[in-house]
Amino acid sequence: MQTEILLVTVGGSHQPIVTAIKMLKPDRVVFICSEDSKSQVVGSGTPCVVKILENSQRLPNIPTQLELGDKFQPDRDLIVIKDPDNLQECYREVALYVQNLKKNISNTVIKADYTGGTKSMSIGLAIASIDYELELYVTTALRTNINRVERGEGTQKTSIGPIVADQTIKKFLPILLDQYNYPAIIAEVNRLLISWELPTDKKYEIRLLHTSCLGLDKWDKFEHREALNLLEPQMKNPVIKDLVIFLKRVISSRKQIDEKYDATNTTEGHGYEIVEDLILNAERRAKQERYDDAVGRLYRALELLAQIRLLKEYDLKTGEINIEKIPENLRDKYSEKRSLTKGKIQIGLRSSYELLSELNDPMGKIYMEHSNRIIDALEVRNNSLFAHGFKPIKLEEYEKVKQVFVNFIKSGISSVNQNKSQKRSPQFPTSMSDLTN
């Protein structure tokens, strides 16, 4: 069974507080007071005053009036703010109290009514309610007195969902987006949609954001077809449009090396976009300080570049070289590479580029120019935990590998696409406005 706890700020008039407690019927009441207003809660005699026109009536303190009994315990349920005009203190005291409640009491619903007290007390409680996801209420009525809520008041729930959503989107999610942390963004967006009442336009904005991040997350995991299905309907957004145009070329490029992959509704590019996609993915892993992952992706990009070139230009598969498709003067050399167990001629990264060089391919020629630097950079990858060693890769080592590999890859692609314009390969956006336009 849930325990309902109500936090209320206490100011000049006790009447709105009485109304809130009567309407919300909490199991426990916590009063937030200043030294001046504390008497309305724990004062003896008749500290509460009701003013009706020129007349006044004195009443006992609030817990006595409402016969709260065990629902209020002064040593447990009283927060006294020393400086009620200090917003920082008001917020801090309430926040600490709420943290303790959430830590020590399970299965509880915490509500807050911020009608009474000083402006700083009310604002402090309201902000804490937003930060800690409390149900927020205010007691209002038709005002005939600018100083306080008069008789006939009622307590109503305040819609703070849009405020929470705006704060989350503007302050919290940009940090996650800058790190390309799409699973965390998706979880936060789902929480907003499930936990808060939101107006239709805000729900629409959040759902667009959810779909965009879901698509980018799929793409980040190389689920390109699923990413296209999610992102293509959002091409009214110019940032998404640029990404989708590139993604269609990536899928077309992938089809060359991944024969069973669905490449419908795609656009043919220069053929090496899947390699560029891996480089961009490596950049995202580096932003997350996952340098081993980043170097692993750069290595795969380097490997894939040679595989695509051999397949595209010479119909040669590195996993099973057809000896009849290479020049006769090379056949004896590559026949020696045939596996005794598999019966296949399989070649690795360096042998792939050496074969391109022996075929007088432009990419092979450029490899030979860069080969010493590439071989040195490969040592970083080979010594890492994800390859043959146990040494974690550091930022400086990643930067070295990136510079060598990426410079070569760009030169290699340019060398075989001199008559084709180089289309832009955009990185995923890191600005929230790019996804919410």
Protein backbone atom coordinates (compact mmCIF):
# COMPACT_ATOMS: atom_id res chain seq x y z
CA MET A 1 0.00 0.00 0.00
CA GLN A 2 1.34 3.41 -0.97
CA THR A 3 2.07 6.04 1.65
CA GLU A 4 1.10 9.56 0.57
CA ILE A 5 3.20 12.35 2.06
CA LEU A 6 2.30 16.01 1.59
CA LEU A 7 4.82 18.85 1.92
CA VAL A 8 3.29 22.29 2.45
CA THR A 9 4.80 25.75 2.82
CA VAL A 10 3.40 27.81 5.69
CA GLY A 11 2.99 31.58 5.44
CA GLY A 12 0.67 34.26 6.77
CA SER A 13 -2.59 32.38 6.35
CA HIS A 14 -3.29 28.86 7.47
CA GLN A 15 -6.51 28.49 5.45
CA PRO A 16 -5.02 27.31 2.11
CA ILE A 17 -2.99 24.71 4.00
CA VAL A 18 -6.07 23.39 5.76
CA THR A 19 -7.85 23.22 2.40
CA ALA A 20 -4.98 21.33 0.77
CA ILE A 21 -4.75 18.77 3.57
CA LYS A 22 -8.52 18.22 3.60
CA MET A 23 -8.68 17.73 -0.16
CA LEU A 24 -5.56 15.60 -0.63
CA LYS A 25 -6.01 13.50 2.53
CA PRO A 26 -2.33 12.50 2.94
CA ASP A 27 -1.06 9.82 5.32
CA ARG A 28 1.60 12.20 6.58
CA VAL A 29 2.06 15.98 6.50
CA VAL A 30 5.38 17.83 6.47
CA PHE A 31 5.30 21.57 7.18
CA ILE A 32 7.91 23.96 5.77
CA CYS A 33 8.00 27.06 7.97
CA SER A 34 9.96 30.12 8.90
CA GLU A 35 10.55 31.01 12.55
CA ASP A 36 7.64 33.46 12.27
CA SER A 37 5.15 31.01 10.76
CA LYS A 38 6.19 28.00 12.86
CA SER A 39 3.63 28.90 15.54
CA GLN A 40 0.80 27.99 13.16
CA VAL A 41 2.07 24.41 13.27
CA VAL A 42 3.40 23.86 16.80
CA GLY A 43 2.24 26.97 18.67
CA SER A 44 0.14 26.54 21.81
CA GLY A 45 -3.24 28.14 22.38
CA THR A 46 -4.81 29.77 19.32
CA PRO A 47 -2.02 30.98 17.01
CA CYS A 48 -4.03 30.82 13.78
CA VAL A 49 -6.11 33.83 12.79
CA VAL A 50 -9.06 33.92 10.39
CA LYS A 51 -9.98 37.38 9.11
CA ILE A 52 -13.46 37.94 7.72
CA LEU A 53 -13.96 41.54 6.68
CA GLU A 54 -13.25 43.59 9.82
CA ASN A 55 -13.63 40.67 12.19
CA SER A 56 -11.12 38.02 13.17
CA GLN A 57 -11.29 34.61 14.78
CA ARG A 58 -8.48 32.76 16.52
CA LEU A 59 -8.03 29.01 16.12
CA PRO A 60 -5.61 26.29 17.35
CA ASN A 61 -2.57 25.30 15.30
CA ILE A 62 -3.14 23.47 12.01
CA PRO A 63 -2.46 19.88 13.20
CA THR A 64 -4.90 20.41 16.08
CA GLN A 65 -7.60 21.88 13.84
CA LEU A 66 -7.35 18.91 11.49
CA GLU A 67 -6.82 16.32 14.22
CA LEU A 68 -3.78 14.98 12.37
CA GLY A 69 -2.57 12.89 15.27
CA ASP A 70 0.25 10.56 14.14
CA LYS A 71 0.10 12.01 10.63
CA PHE A 72 2.26 14.84 11.95
CA GLN A 73 5.19 14.38 14.33
CA PRO A 74 7.00 17.67 15.13
CA ASP A 75 10.44 16.11 15.53
CA ARG A 76 10.09 14.39 12.15
CA ASP A 77 7.79 16.50 10.00
CA LEU A 78 8.86 20.09 10.55
CA ILE A 79 11.34 21.91 8.29
CA VAL A 80 12.28 25.32 9.68
CA ILE A 81 13.98 27.67 7.22
CA LYS A 82 16.28 30.10 9.00
CA ASP A 83 16.26 32.65 6.19
CA PRO A 84 12.92 32.27 4.36
CA ASP A 85 13.95 34.83 1.72
CA ASN A 86 17.07 32.88 0.74
CA LEU A 87 16.03 30.76 -2.23
CA GLN A 88 19.16 28.60 -2.10
CA GLU A 89 18.55 27.67 1.54
CA CYS A 90 14.86 27.01 0.92
CA TYR A 91 15.63 24.69 -1.98
CA ARG A 92 18.49 22.93 -0.20
CA GLU A 93 16.51 22.15 2.96
CA VAL A 94 13.55 20.79 1.01
CA ALA A 95 15.76 18.81 -1.39
CA LEU A 96 17.67 17.15 1.46
CA TYR A 97 14.43 16.23 3.19
CA VAL A 98 12.97 14.74 0.00
CA GLN A 99 16.16 12.77 -0.64
CA ASN A 100 15.90 11.21 2.82
CA LEU A 101 12.24 10.39 2.29
CA LYS A 102 12.94 8.63 -1.00
CA LYS A 103 15.90 6.79 0.51
CA ASN A 104 14.18 5.57 3.67
CA ILE A 105 10.57 5.00 2.63
CA SER A 106 9.61 2.71 -0.22
CA ASN A 107 6.36 2.71 -2.14
CA THR A 108 5.56 6.33 -1.38
CA VAL A 109 3.92 9.18 -3.28
CA ILE A 110 5.23 12.60 -2.32
CA LYS A 111 3.03 15.60 -3.02
CA ALA A 112 3.75 19.28 -2.53
CA ASP A 113 1.54 22.36 -2.15
CA TYR A 114 3.48 25.60 -2.58
CA THR A 115 0.67 28.09 -1.89
CA GLY A 116 1.88 29.45 1.47
CA GLY A 117 5.15 30.89 2.73
CA THR A 118 7.51 33.46 1.27
CA LYS A 119 8.13 33.60 -2.46
CA SER A 120 11.52 31.95 -1.93
CA MET A 121 9.95 29.14 0.10
CA SER A 122 7.31 28.53 -2.57
CA ILE A 123 9.83 28.64 -5.41
CA GLY A 124 12.25 26.40 -3.51
CA LEU A 125 9.55 23.78 -2.97
CA ALA A 126 8.37 24.05 -6.59
CA ILE A 127 11.88 23.60 -8.00
CA ALA A 128 12.57 20.66 -5.69
CA SER A 129 9.27 19.13 -6.81
CA ILE A 130 10.36 19.35 -10.43
CA ASP A 131 13.85 18.01 -9.74
CA TYR A 132 12.62 15.07 -7.66
CA GLU A 133 9.43 14.46 -9.64
CA LEU A 134 6.90 15.18 -6.91
CA GLU A 135 3.24 15.79 -7.58
CA LEU A 136 2.84 19.56 -7.36
CA TYR A 137 -0.31 21.33 -6.19
CA VAL A 138 -1.46 24.88 -5.59
CA THR A 139 -4.48 26.11 -3.66
CA THR A 140 -6.30 28.92 -5.45
CA ALA A 141 -9.55 30.83 -5.49
CA LEU A 142 -11.02 33.98 -6.96
CA ARG A 143 -8.79 36.61 -5.38
CA THR A 144 -10.49 39.50 -3.62
CA ASN A 145 -7.34 40.20 -1.59
CA ILE A 146 -3.99 40.63 -3.31
CA ASN A 147 -2.12 39.50 -0.19
CA ARG A 148 -3.50 36.00 0.20
CA VAL A 149 -5.91 33.38 -1.08
CA GLU A 150 -9.29 33.99 0.50
CA ARG A 151 -12.21 31.74 1.33
CA GLY A 152 -13.66 29.45 -1.30
CA GLU A 153 -10.27 28.19 -2.33
CA GLY A 154 -9.59 24.78 -3.85
CA THR A 155 -6.46 22.68 -4.32
CA GLN A 156 -5.55 21.66 -7.85
CA LYS A 157 -2.71 19.74 -9.39
CA THR A 158 -0.17 21.87 -11.21
CA SER A 159 0.96 20.65 -14.62
CA ILE A 160 4.73 20.63 -14.39
CA GLY A 161 5.23 18.08 -17.15
CA PRO A 162 6.04 20.72 -19.81
CA ILE A 163 8.55 22.34 -17.43
CA VAL A 164 10.23 19.01 -16.72
CA ALA A 165 10.28 18.21 -20.43
CA ASP A 166 11.82 21.57 -21.37
CA GLN A 167 14.45 21.29 -18.63
CA THR A 168 15.32 17.77 -19.69
CA ILE A 169 15.55 18.65 -23.38
CA LYS A 170 17.49 21.89 -22.89
CA LYS A 171 19.80 21.00 -20.01
CA PHE A 172 20.22 17.25 -19.62
CA LEU A 173 19.80 15.65 -23.03
CA PRO A 174 22.39 17.88 -24.77
CA ILE A 175 25.08 16.39 -22.51
CA LEU A 176 24.06 12.88 -23.60
CA LEU A 177 23.74 13.89 -27.25
CA ASP A 178 27.24 15.36 -27.24
CA GLN A 179 28.47 11.91 -26.17
CA TYR A 180 26.29 10.11 -28.74
CA ASN A 181 24.65 8.26 -25.84
CA TYR A 182 21.43 7.36 -27.61
CA PRO A 183 20.28 4.56 -25.25
CA ALA A 184 20.31 7.04 -22.34
CA ILE A 185 18.45 9.67 -24.38
CA ILE A 186 15.83 7.14 -25.44
CA ALA A 187 15.34 6.05 -21.82
CA GLU A 188 14.91 9.67 -20.66
CA VAL A 189 12.47 10.47 -23.47
CA ASN A 190 10.42 7.36 -22.67
CA ARG A 191 10.32 8.45 -19.03
CA LEU A 192 8.99 11.87 -20.04
CA LEU A 193 6.25 10.35 -22.17
CA ILE A 194 5.21 7.82 -19.53
CA SER A 195 5.58 9.83 -16.33
CA TRP A 196 4.25 13.28 -17.21
CA GLU A 197 1.09 14.79 -18.59
CA LEU A 198 2.15 16.79 -21.63
CA PRO A 199 0.30 18.93 -24.18
CA THR A 200 -0.11 17.48 -27.66
CA ASP A 201 2.50 19.70 -29.32
CA LYS A 202 5.11 18.83 -26.68
CA LYS A 203 4.37 15.11 -27.04
CA TYR A 204 4.82 15.43 -30.80
CA GLU A 205 8.18 17.18 -30.37
CA ILE A 206 9.37 14.53 -27.92
CA ARG A 207 8.22 11.66 -30.13
CA LEU A 208 10.12 13.14 -33.08
CA LEU A 209 13.20 13.32 -30.89
CA HIS A 210 12.62 9.73 -29.76
CA THR A 211 12.34 8.47 -33.33
CA SER A 212 15.43 10.39 -34.45
CA CYS A 213 17.54 9.03 -31.60
CA LEU A 214 16.20 5.52 -32.14
CA GLY A 215 17.23 5.76 -35.78
CA LEU A 216 20.68 7.10 -34.93
CA ASP A 217 21.12 4.38 -32.32
CA LYS A 218 20.30 1.71 -34.92
CA TRP A 219 22.75 3.31 -37.33
CA ASP A 220 25.40 3.51 -34.61
CA LYS A 221 25.03 -0.27 -34.23
CA PHE A 222 25.34 -0.79 -38.02
CA GLU A 223 21.66 -1.68 -38.33
CA HIS A 224 21.49 0.49 -41.43
CA ARG A 225 18.19 -0.71 -42.90
CA GLU A 226 16.33 -0.25 -39.61
CA ALA A 227 17.88 3.21 -39.26
CA LEU A 228 16.69 4.21 -42.73
CA ASN A 229 13.13 3.10 -41.97
CA LEU A 230 13.10 5.34 -38.88
CA LEU A 231 14.88 8.39 -40.29
CA GLU A 232 13.55 8.66 -43.84
CA PRO A 233 10.05 9.86 -42.79
CA GLN A 234 11.73 12.83 -41.05
CA MET A 235 13.50 14.26 -44.08
CA LYS A 236 11.69 17.59 -43.68
CA ASN A 237 14.41 18.25 -41.14
CA PRO A 238 17.41 19.38 -43.26
CA VAL A 239 19.93 17.78 -40.88
CA ILE A 240 18.12 14.44 -41.01
CA LYS A 241 17.80 14.79 -44.80
CA ASP A 242 21.58 15.07 -45.23
CA LEU A 243 22.07 12.03 -43.01
CA VAL A 244 19.50 9.95 -44.90
CA ILE A 245 21.07 10.82 -48.27
CA PHE A 246 24.42 9.59 -46.95
CA LEU A 247 22.83 6.53 -45.31
CA LYS A 248 21.33 5.43 -48.62
CA ARG A 249 24.80 5.51 -50.17
CA VAL A 250 26.19 3.60 -47.17
CA ILE A 251 23.64 0.82 -47.65
CA SER A 252 24.37 0.66 -51.38
CA SER A 253 28.08 0.44 -50.60
CA ARG A 254 27.51 -2.26 -47.98
CA LYS A 255 25.58 -4.38 -50.47
CA GLN A 256 28.79 -4.90 -52.50
CA ILE A 257 30.47 -6.78 -49.68
CA ASP A 258 27.34 -8.06 -47.88
CA GLU A 259 25.51 -9.80 -50.71
CA LYS A 260 22.38 -10.77 -48.77
CA TYR A 261 21.81 -7.27 -47.41
CA ASP A 262 18.62 -5.48 -48.52
CA ALA A 263 19.72 -2.53 -50.67
CA THR A 264 16.33 -1.43 -51.99
CA ASN A 265 15.50 2.29 -51.87
CA THR A 266 19.16 3.30 -51.87
CA THR A 267 21.42 5.59 -53.88
CA GLU A 268 24.64 4.56 -55.58
CA GLY A 269 27.69 6.61 -54.63
CA HIS A 270 31.39 6.06 -55.17
CA GLY A 271 31.12 2.66 -53.48
CA TYR A 272 33.25 3.21 -50.38
CA GLU A 273 30.69 4.96 -48.16
CA ILE A 274 30.57 2.00 -45.77
CA VAL A 275 34.27 2.67 -45.11
CA GLU A 276 33.55 6.35 -44.42
CA ASP A 277 30.71 5.25 -42.13
CA LEU A 278 33.15 3.18 -40.07
CA ILE A 279 35.48 6.17 -39.71
CA LEU A 280 32.61 8.33 -38.43
CA ASN A 281 31.62 5.54 -36.04
CA ALA A 282 35.20 5.44 -34.76
CA GLU A 283 35.05 9.19 -34.09
CA ARG A 284 31.94 8.67 -31.97
CA ARG A 285 33.60 5.91 -29.95
CA ALA A 286 36.60 8.18 -29.37
CA LYS A 287 34.28 10.93 -28.12
CA GLN A 288 33.12 8.40 -25.52
CA GLU A 289 36.79 7.72 -24.68
CA ARG A 290 36.42 4.16 -25.96
CA TYR A 291 39.71 4.26 -27.83
CA ASP A 292 40.10 0.48 -28.21
CA ASP A 293 36.71 0.36 -29.92
CA ALA A 294 37.62 3.36 -32.06
CA VAL A 295 40.89 1.84 -33.28
CA GLY A 296 39.11 -1.45 -33.93
CA ARG A 297 36.69 0.34 -36.23
CA LEU A 298 39.49 2.18 -38.01
CA TYR A 299 41.25 -1.14 -38.57
CA ARG A 300 38.06 -2.60 -40.01
CA ALA A 301 37.69 0.45 -42.28
CA LEU A 302 41.23 -0.07 -43.57
CA GLU A 303 40.55 -3.75 -44.13
CA LEU A 304 37.18 -3.13 -45.78
CA LEU A 305 38.63 -0.58 -48.18
CA ALA A 306 40.91 -3.22 -49.70
CA GLN A 307 38.16 -5.85 -49.72
CA ILE A 308 35.75 -3.61 -51.61
CA ARG A 309 38.40 -2.52 -54.10
CA LEU A 310 39.45 -6.10 -54.89
CA LEU A 311 35.85 -7.24 -55.24
CA LYS A 312 34.58 -4.21 -57.14
CA GLU A 313 37.42 -3.92 -59.64
CA TYR A 314 38.81 -7.48 -59.91
CA ASP A 315 36.01 -9.73 -58.64
CA LEU A 316 38.36 -11.08 -55.96
CA LYS A 317 37.14 -12.06 -52.50
CA THR A 318 39.80 -11.91 -49.79
CA GLY A 319 38.10 -14.80 -47.97
CA GLU A 320 38.48 -17.07 -51.00
CA ILE A 321 40.81 -15.87 -53.76
CA ASN A 322 40.01 -17.34 -57.17
CA ILE A 323 43.47 -18.07 -58.51
CA GLU A 324 42.20 -17.94 -62.10
CA LYS A 325 41.31 -14.25 -61.72
CA ILE A 326 44.81 -13.01 -60.92
CA PRO A 327 47.71 -12.67 -63.39
CA GLU A 328 49.64 -15.86 -64.11
CA ASN A 329 52.87 -14.43 -62.72
CA LEU A 330 51.20 -14.12 -59.29
CA ARG A 331 49.45 -17.48 -59.12
CA ASP A 332 52.30 -19.52 -57.67
CA LYS A 333 52.85 -16.95 -54.92
CA TYR A 334 49.20 -16.90 -53.88
CA SER A 335 48.73 -20.65 -54.29
CA GLU A 336 51.19 -21.04 -51.42
CA LYS A 337 48.72 -19.19 -49.20
CA ARG A 338 46.08 -21.89 -49.60
CA SER A 339 44.93 -23.23 -46.24
CA LEU A 340 45.56 -26.95 -45.80
CA THR A 341 42.52 -27.28 -43.53
CA LYS A 342 40.03 -25.05 -45.36
CA GLY A 343 41.35 -25.55 -48.86
CA LYS A 344 40.90 -21.84 -49.55
CA ILE A 345 43.28 -19.03 -50.39
CA GLN A 346 42.58 -16.37 -47.79
CA ILE A 347 44.53 -13.14 -47.45
CA GLY A 348 44.66 -10.59 -44.66
CA LEU A 349 44.94 -6.83 -44.61
CA ARG A 350 48.58 -6.39 -45.64
CA SER A 351 48.43 -9.10 -48.29
CA SER A 352 45.28 -7.50 -49.72
CA TYR A 353 47.04 -4.19 -50.28
CA GLU A 354 50.16 -5.92 -51.58
CA LEU A 355 47.98 -7.72 -54.12
CA LEU A 356 46.46 -4.39 -55.19
CA SER A 357 49.97 -3.04 -55.62
CA GLU A 358 50.97 -6.05 -57.71
CA LEU A 359 47.89 -5.45 -59.86
CA ASN A 360 49.14 -1.88 -60.46
CA ASP A 361 45.99 -0.55 -58.84
CA PRO A 362 46.06 3.16 -57.86
CA MET A 363 45.03 2.29 -54.32
CA GLY A 364 47.81 -0.28 -54.10
CA LYS A 365 50.36 2.29 -55.23
CA ILE A 366 49.24 4.74 -52.55
CA TYR A 367 49.39 1.97 -49.96
CA MET A 368 53.04 1.34 -50.78
CA GLU A 369 53.73 5.05 -50.25
CA HIS A 370 52.07 4.90 -46.81
CA SER A 371 52.97 1.32 -45.88
CA ASN A 372 55.69 2.02 -43.30
CA ARG A 373 53.48 4.46 -41.40
CA ILE A 374 50.51 2.08 -41.61
CA ILE A 375 52.55 -0.88 -40.33
CA ASP A 376 53.83 1.20 -37.40
CA ALA A 377 50.28 2.31 -36.56
CA LEU A 378 49.04 -1.27 -36.75
CA GLU A 379 51.27 -2.13 -33.79
CA VAL A 380 49.01 -0.01 -31.56
CA ARG A 381 46.01 -2.07 -32.58
CA ASN A 382 47.87 -5.41 -32.40
CA ASN A 383 49.02 -4.73 -28.83
CA SER A 384 45.53 -3.80 -27.64
CA LEU A 385 43.21 -6.00 -25.61
CA PHE A 386 40.82 -6.33 -28.56
CA ALA A 387 43.54 -7.81 -30.79
CA HIS A 388 46.55 -9.76 -29.52
CA GLY A 389 47.67 -7.96 -26.37
CA PHE A 390 46.48 -6.47 -23.10
CA LYS A 391 47.50 -2.84 -23.43
CA PRO A 392 44.61 -0.33 -23.37
CA ILE A 393 44.81 2.29 -26.10
CA LYS A 394 45.22 5.90 -24.97
CA LEU A 395 44.02 9.10 -26.63
CA GLU A 396 47.43 9.95 -28.10
CA GLU A 397 47.73 6.49 -29.63
CA TYR A 398 44.25 6.69 -31.09
CA GLU A 399 45.05 10.09 -32.62
CA LYS A 400 48.19 8.65 -34.21
CA VAL A 401 46.34 5.69 -35.69
CA LYS A 402 43.50 7.92 -36.87
CA GLN A 403 45.83 10.34 -38.64
CA VAL A 404 47.70 7.58 -40.49
CA PHE A 405 44.71 5.40 -41.38
CA VAL A 406 42.26 8.15 -42.29
CA ASN A 407 44.74 10.08 -44.40
CA PHE A 408 45.52 6.93 -46.35
CA ILE A 409 41.86 5.93 -46.71
CA LYS A 410 40.87 9.36 -48.03
CA SER A 411 43.77 9.35 -50.48
CA GLY A 412 42.93 5.81 -51.54
CA ILE A 413 39.28 6.61 -52.23
CA SER A 414 40.21 9.77 -54.14
CA SER A 415 42.72 7.85 -56.27
CA VAL A 416 40.05 5.54 -57.68
CA ASN A 417 37.26 8.12 -57.93
CA GLN A 418 38.95 10.97 -59.74
CA ASN A 419 36.04 11.44 -62.13
CA LYS A 420 33.37 11.29 -59.41
CA SER A 421 32.45 14.14 -57.11
CA GLN A 422 33.12 13.43 -53.46
CA LYS A 423 29.83 13.71 -51.58
CA ARG A 424 29.80 14.89 -47.99
CA SER A 425 29.76 12.21 -45.28
CA PRO A 426 28.13 13.99 -42.31
CA GLN A 427 28.74 13.14 -38.67
CA PHE A 428 25.74 12.64 -36.38
CA PRO A 429 24.46 15.92 -34.88
CA THR A 430 25.48 17.01 -31.38
CA SER A 431 23.09 19.96 -31.15
CA MET A 432 19.60 19.33 -29.80
CA SER A 433 18.17 21.98 -32.14
CA ASP A 434 19.31 19.88 -35.12
CA LEU A 435 17.00 17.07 -34.01
CA THR A 436 14.00 19.15 -32.91
CA ASN A 437 13.64 21.43 -35.96
